[in-house]
Amino acid sequence: MKGFPIAHIFHPSIPPMHAVVNNHNRNIDYWTVKRKFAEIVSTNDVNKIYSISNELRRVLSA
């Protein structure tokens, strides 16, 4: 294993923490979106889910 970069163990579709995904000239911060999805999955509060999904919609439609 000596001499191999550790990055080869990560799936290539997962961008680094500082990465910004450019999709049709829209800059979407991958980790912001991932955090919002994690918040939605981790709560049972319908009002919070609605609020987070609205934030996520704004991020994705920017």
N, C-alpha and C. Protein backbone atom coordinates (compact mmCIF):
# COMPACT_ATOMS: atom_id res chain seq x y z
N MET A 1 0.81 -1.20 0.00
CA MET A 1 0.00 0.00 0.00
C MET A 1 0.86 1.27 0.00
N LYS A 2 2.12 1.11 0.29
CA LYS A 2 2.99 2.29 0.38
C LYS A 2 3.03 3.01 -0.97
N GLY A 3 2.88 4.31 -0.90
CA GLY A 3 2.94 5.12 -2.11
C GLY A 3 1.60 5.36 -2.77
N PHE A 4 0.54 4.73 -2.29
CA PHE A 4 -0.79 4.95 -2.87
C PHE A 4 -1.51 6.06 -2.11
N PRO A 5 -2.16 6.97 -2.83
CA PRO A 5 -2.92 8.02 -2.14
C PRO A 5 -4.17 7.43 -1.50
N ILE A 6 -4.56 8.00 -0.38
CA ILE A 6 -5.75 7.49 0.32
C ILE A 6 -7.03 7.79 -0.46
N ALA A 7 -7.00 8.78 -1.35
CA ALA A 7 -8.19 9.18 -2.09
C ALA A 7 -8.76 8.04 -2.94
N HIS A 8 -7.95 7.04 -3.28
CA HIS A 8 -8.44 5.97 -4.14
C HIS A 8 -9.48 5.09 -3.46
N ILE A 9 -9.61 5.17 -2.13
CA ILE A 9 -10.60 4.33 -1.46
C ILE A 9 -11.99 4.96 -1.45
N PHE A 10 -12.08 6.24 -1.77
CA PHE A 10 -13.37 6.92 -1.80
C PHE A 10 -14.01 6.79 -3.17
N HIS A 11 -15.32 6.69 -3.16
CA HIS A 11 -16.06 6.57 -4.42
C HIS A 11 -15.85 7.84 -5.24
N PRO A 12 -15.60 7.73 -6.54
CA PRO A 12 -15.30 8.91 -7.35
C PRO A 12 -16.46 9.89 -7.48
N SER A 13 -17.70 9.46 -7.21
CA SER A 13 -18.83 10.38 -7.35
C SER A 13 -18.99 11.28 -6.13
N ILE A 14 -18.24 11.03 -5.06
CA ILE A 14 -18.33 11.86 -3.86
C ILE A 14 -17.26 12.94 -3.95
N PRO A 15 -17.69 14.19 -4.12
CA PRO A 15 -16.69 15.26 -4.24
C PRO A 15 -16.07 15.57 -2.89
N PRO A 16 -14.89 16.21 -2.89
CA PRO A 16 -14.27 16.59 -1.63
C PRO A 16 -15.12 17.63 -0.89
N MET A 17 -14.83 17.84 0.39
CA MET A 17 -15.63 18.73 1.22
C MET A 17 -15.78 20.13 0.64
N HIS A 18 -14.77 20.62 -0.06
CA HIS A 18 -14.81 21.98 -0.58
C HIS A 18 -15.39 22.05 -1.99
N ALA A 19 -15.83 20.94 -2.51
CA ALA A 19 -16.28 20.91 -3.90
C ALA A 19 -17.61 21.62 -4.09
N VAL A 20 -17.73 22.25 -5.22
CA VAL A 20 -18.99 22.85 -5.64
C VAL A 20 -19.36 22.20 -6.95
N VAL A 21 -20.56 21.64 -7.00
CA VAL A 21 -21.00 20.96 -8.21
C VAL A 21 -21.61 21.98 -9.14
N ASN A 22 -21.11 22.06 -10.36
CA ASN A 22 -21.64 22.99 -11.34
C ASN A 22 -22.57 22.22 -12.26
N ASN A 23 -23.85 22.50 -12.16
CA ASN A 23 -24.86 21.78 -12.93
C ASN A 23 -25.64 22.80 -13.76
N HIS A 24 -25.40 22.82 -15.06
CA HIS A 24 -26.06 23.77 -15.96
C HIS A 24 -25.87 25.20 -15.47
N ASN A 25 -24.63 25.55 -15.20
CA ASN A 25 -24.23 26.88 -14.74
C ASN A 25 -24.81 27.26 -13.38
N ARG A 26 -25.24 26.27 -12.61
CA ARG A 26 -25.70 26.52 -11.24
C ARG A 26 -24.66 25.95 -10.29
N ASN A 27 -24.19 26.75 -9.36
CA ASN A 27 -23.23 26.27 -8.38
C ASN A 27 -23.99 25.74 -7.17
N ILE A 28 -23.92 24.44 -6.95
CA ILE A 28 -24.62 23.80 -5.84
C ILE A 28 -23.58 23.21 -4.91
N ASP A 29 -23.59 23.66 -3.67
CA ASP A 29 -22.67 23.13 -2.68
C ASP A 29 -23.15 21.74 -2.26
N TYR A 30 -22.43 20.72 -2.68
CA TYR A 30 -22.80 19.33 -2.44
C TYR A 30 -23.04 19.04 -0.97
N TRP A 31 -22.16 19.54 -0.10
CA TRP A 31 -22.27 19.21 1.32
C TRP A 31 -23.42 19.94 1.99
N THR A 32 -23.82 21.11 1.51
CA THR A 32 -25.01 21.79 2.03
C THR A 32 -26.24 20.95 1.75
N VAL A 33 -26.33 20.46 0.52
CA VAL A 33 -27.47 19.62 0.14
C VAL A 33 -27.47 18.33 0.96
N LYS A 34 -26.32 17.72 1.11
CA LYS A 34 -26.22 16.47 1.88
C LYS A 34 -26.66 16.68 3.33
N ARG A 35 -26.23 17.79 3.94
CA ARG A 35 -26.64 18.09 5.32
C ARG A 35 -28.14 18.28 5.44
N LYS A 36 -28.74 18.97 4.47
CA LYS A 36 -30.18 19.20 4.50
C LYS A 36 -30.94 17.88 4.40
N PHE A 37 -30.50 16.99 3.51
CA PHE A 37 -31.14 15.68 3.41
C PHE A 37 -31.00 14.91 4.72
N ALA A 38 -29.83 14.99 5.35
CA ALA A 38 -29.61 14.30 6.62
C ALA A 38 -30.54 14.85 7.70
N GLU A 39 -30.76 16.16 7.71
CA GLU A 39 -31.67 16.76 8.68
C GLU A 39 -33.10 16.25 8.46
N ILE A 40 -33.51 16.15 7.20
CA ILE A 40 -34.86 15.67 6.89
C ILE A 40 -35.03 14.23 7.36
N VAL A 41 -34.04 13.40 7.08
CA VAL A 41 -34.11 11.99 7.43
C VAL A 41 -34.11 11.78 8.95
N SER A 42 -33.43 12.65 9.68
CA SER A 42 -33.25 12.44 11.11
C SER A 42 -34.37 13.01 11.98
N THR A 43 -35.39 13.62 11.38
CA THR A 43 -36.46 14.20 12.19
C THR A 43 -37.82 13.61 11.81
N ASN A 44 -38.72 13.62 12.78
CA ASN A 44 -40.10 13.20 12.53
C ASN A 44 -41.06 14.38 12.57
N ASP A 45 -40.53 15.57 12.82
CA ASP A 45 -41.35 16.77 12.93
C ASP A 45 -41.73 17.26 11.53
N VAL A 46 -43.01 17.18 11.22
CA VAL A 46 -43.48 17.52 9.87
C VAL A 46 -43.19 18.98 9.54
N ASN A 47 -43.36 19.88 10.49
CA ASN A 47 -43.10 21.30 10.24
C ASN A 47 -41.62 21.55 9.93
N LYS A 48 -40.75 20.85 10.65
CA LYS A 48 -39.31 21.00 10.40
C LYS A 48 -38.95 20.43 9.02
N ILE A 49 -39.53 19.29 8.67
CA ILE A 49 -39.28 18.70 7.35
C ILE A 49 -39.72 19.67 6.26
N TYR A 50 -40.88 20.28 6.43
CA TYR A 50 -41.40 21.23 5.44
C TYR A 50 -40.45 22.43 5.31
N SER A 51 -39.99 22.94 6.45
CA SER A 51 -39.08 24.08 6.45
C SER A 51 -37.75 23.74 5.76
N ILE A 52 -37.18 22.59 6.11
CA ILE A 52 -35.91 22.18 5.52
C ILE A 52 -36.06 21.93 4.03
N SER A 53 -37.17 21.31 3.63
CA SER A 53 -37.37 21.02 2.21
C SER A 53 -37.50 22.32 1.42
N ASN A 54 -38.09 23.36 2.02
CA ASN A 54 -38.16 24.66 1.35
C ASN A 54 -36.76 25.26 1.19
N GLU A 55 -35.94 25.14 2.24
CA GLU A 55 -34.55 25.62 2.14
C GLU A 55 -33.80 24.87 1.04
N LEU A 56 -34.00 23.56 1.02
CA LEU A 56 -33.33 22.73 0.02
C LEU A 56 -33.79 23.09 -1.38
N ARG A 57 -35.06 23.35 -1.53
CA ARG A 57 -35.60 23.74 -2.84
C ARG A 57 -34.96 25.05 -3.31
N ARG A 58 -34.79 26.00 -2.36
CA ARG A 58 -34.14 27.27 -2.73
C ARG A 58 -32.69 27.05 -3.16
N VAL A 59 -31.98 26.17 -2.45
CA VAL A 59 -30.58 25.89 -2.80
C VAL A 59 -30.50 25.27 -4.19
N LEU A 60 -31.38 24.32 -4.46
CA LEU A 60 -31.31 23.60 -5.73
C LEU A 60 -31.83 24.42 -6.91
N SER A 61 -32.68 25.40 -6.65
CA SER A 61 -33.22 26.19 -7.75
C SER A 61 -32.45 27.48 -7.99
N ALA A 62 -31.43 27.73 -7.20
CA ALA A 62 -30.64 28.97 -7.34
C ALA A 62 -29.87 28.99 -8.64
